[in-house]
Each structure stands twice: as structure tokens, then as C-alpha cells.
Amino acid sequence: MKQQTQRKINEALRHIRHSNKSGSHVNCIRLNYSAADKHNDEIIRRCVEYLKTGVSFITEAHFIHGGRADLINLATKEIIEICNTETEIRFKEKIKSYPDIFTIRKIRI
């Protein structure tokens, strides 16, 4: 089971640029300073839960072929987008650049 989880994590990491601020900083909380406090607070809350349960994650992940995700659960290959003021049109446009191996969950706060 552990080997299978690590394989999923490695596959997810292959789609993320490692030359930027997210890089190989798995399980480190990175925040966008221009985001609303409510948005960043939700990311922090979810990351703390992941840390408590041993789930590997990346925040502010930049993808190799463009795009940036708020939070990625690496083991399940799930992108979590925290939406506060973002319109549905903007959200749909944003996720077009995400790699196909990821599922996307939108959290409206």
C-alpha cells in the first residue's frame, strides 16, 4: 500500500515545476500574499489536517505546462481550489491548464 501511494505521489510530482517556490517543498505551507485572509486561512486549515493525518501535499504548485493550483493532495492526485471572489467563468478558465491526471475539487468559501 505504501509503495502504491508513493508511486502516485511521484506521478503527481512529475507535473510540477521544481524550479519555483513550490518546488520540492512537500508538506510546507506556501501562501499567496495577495490572496484574501479567508482564502489563506482555509488553505492553512486543510494543510494542518493533512499534516495530522500524514497526507502529502503541495501548496501554490506551478505546473510544468502552465497554471498554478492552491493545494494538491499528492497521494490522491486531487487539486483543491479555494474560491472566494473568483467567478465561475474565471474558475473554468483557470482549470483548463491543469494536467489531466488530477481531479479538481472546488471549495467555495
Protein backbone atom coordinates (compact mmCIF):
# COMPACT_ATOMS: atom_id res chain seq x y z
CA MET A 1 0.00 0.00 0.00
CA LYS A 2 2.78 2.43 0.94
CA GLN A 3 4.62 1.69 -2.32
CA GLN A 4 1.45 2.34 -4.34
CA THR A 5 0.90 5.67 -2.56
CA GLN A 6 4.49 6.71 -3.23
CA ARG A 7 4.04 5.86 -6.91
CA LYS A 8 1.01 8.18 -7.08
CA ILE A 9 2.94 10.94 -5.32
CA ASN A 10 5.86 10.57 -7.75
CA GLU A 11 3.50 10.66 -10.73
CA ALA A 12 1.86 13.85 -9.44
CA LEU A 13 5.25 15.49 -8.79
CA ARG A 14 6.32 14.89 -12.41
CA HIS A 15 3.79 17.56 -13.46
CA ILE A 16 5.04 20.25 -11.05
CA ARG A 17 7.88 22.67 -11.76
CA HIS A 18 10.69 22.23 -9.29
CA SER A 19 12.49 25.46 -10.07
CA ASN A 20 9.95 27.72 -8.39
CA LYS A 21 8.89 28.50 -4.85
CA SER A 22 6.77 25.34 -4.55
CA GLY A 23 9.46 23.06 -5.94
CA SER A 24 10.12 20.05 -3.81
CA HIS A 25 8.65 21.60 -0.70
CA VAL A 26 6.24 18.79 0.03
CA ASN A 27 4.24 19.37 3.22
CA CYS A 28 5.29 23.02 3.52
CA ILE A 29 2.58 25.66 3.56
CA ARG A 30 3.16 28.33 0.93
CA LEU A 31 0.66 31.16 0.63
CA ASN A 32 -0.12 33.81 -1.93
CA TYR A 33 0.33 37.13 -0.13
CA SER A 34 -2.19 38.82 -2.44
CA ALA A 35 -4.97 36.34 -1.61
CA ALA A 36 -7.64 37.24 0.92
CA ASP A 37 -7.05 36.20 4.53
CA LYS A 38 -10.14 33.99 4.36
CA HIS A 39 -8.64 32.15 1.36
CA ASN A 40 -5.25 31.60 3.02
CA ASP A 41 -6.87 30.60 6.32
CA GLU A 42 -8.79 27.83 4.53
CA ILE A 43 -5.59 26.55 2.91
CA ILE A 44 -3.83 26.55 6.29
CA ARG A 45 -6.73 24.71 7.93
CA ARG A 46 -6.70 21.97 5.29
CA CYS A 47 -2.89 21.64 5.38
CA VAL A 48 -2.88 21.22 9.16
CA GLU A 49 -5.39 18.38 8.78
CA TYR A 50 -3.21 16.78 6.10
CA LEU A 51 -0.15 17.06 8.36
CA LYS A 52 -2.05 15.45 11.26
CA THR A 53 -3.14 12.52 9.08
CA GLY A 54 0.13 12.04 7.18
CA VAL A 55 -1.15 13.19 3.78
CA SER A 56 1.49 14.62 1.43
CA PHE A 57 0.58 17.94 -0.19
CA ILE A 58 1.91 20.93 -2.07
CA THR A 59 0.53 24.46 -1.97
CA GLU A 60 0.88 27.13 -4.66
CA ALA A 61 2.04 24.43 -7.10
CA HIS A 62 3.12 25.66 -10.53
CA PHE A 63 2.68 23.11 -13.30
CA ILE A 64 5.30 22.42 -15.95
CA HIS A 65 2.97 23.44 -18.79
CA GLY A 66 1.42 26.42 -17.02
CA GLY A 67 -1.15 27.03 -14.33
CA ARG A 68 -0.98 27.18 -10.57
CA ALA A 69 -3.07 25.27 -8.04
CA ASP A 70 -3.92 26.34 -4.49
CA LEU A 71 -3.45 22.91 -2.92
CA ILE A 72 -2.70 19.40 -4.19
CA ASN A 73 -3.21 16.16 -2.30
CA LEU A 74 -0.36 14.23 -3.89
CA ALA A 75 -1.49 10.72 -2.89
CA THR A 76 -4.94 11.09 -4.46
CA LYS A 77 -3.80 13.48 -7.22
CA GLU A 78 -6.58 15.88 -6.26
CA ILE A 79 -6.31 19.62 -6.79
CA ILE A 80 -8.26 21.69 -4.29
CA GLU A 81 -9.14 25.18 -5.42
CA ILE A 82 -10.35 27.58 -2.76
CA CYS A 83 -12.73 30.08 -4.34
CA ASN A 84 -13.69 33.24 -2.54
CA THR A 85 -14.34 36.01 -5.06
CA GLU A 86 -13.46 34.08 -8.21
CA THR A 87 -16.27 33.86 -10.78
CA GLU A 88 -17.34 30.54 -12.28
CA ILE A 89 -16.08 31.71 -15.69
CA ARG A 90 -12.64 32.55 -14.26
CA PHE A 91 -12.52 29.23 -12.40
CA LYS A 92 -13.33 27.21 -15.56
CA GLU A 93 -10.70 29.14 -17.50
CA LYS A 94 -8.09 28.54 -14.78
CA ILE A 95 -8.52 24.78 -14.62
CA LYS A 96 -8.10 24.32 -18.39
CA SER A 97 -4.33 24.44 -17.91
CA TYR A 98 -4.25 21.73 -15.23
CA PRO A 99 -2.76 18.32 -16.17
CA ASP A 100 -5.35 15.63 -16.90
CA ILE A 101 -4.06 13.23 -14.24
CA PHE A 102 -5.55 15.41 -11.50
CA THR A 103 -9.13 15.57 -10.30
CA ILE A 104 -10.32 19.01 -9.26
CA ARG A 105 -12.42 19.95 -6.26
CA LYS A 106 -13.70 23.47 -5.85
CA ILE A 107 -14.31 24.75 -2.33
CA ARG A 108 -16.44 27.89 -2.22
CA ILE A 109 -15.87 29.93 0.94
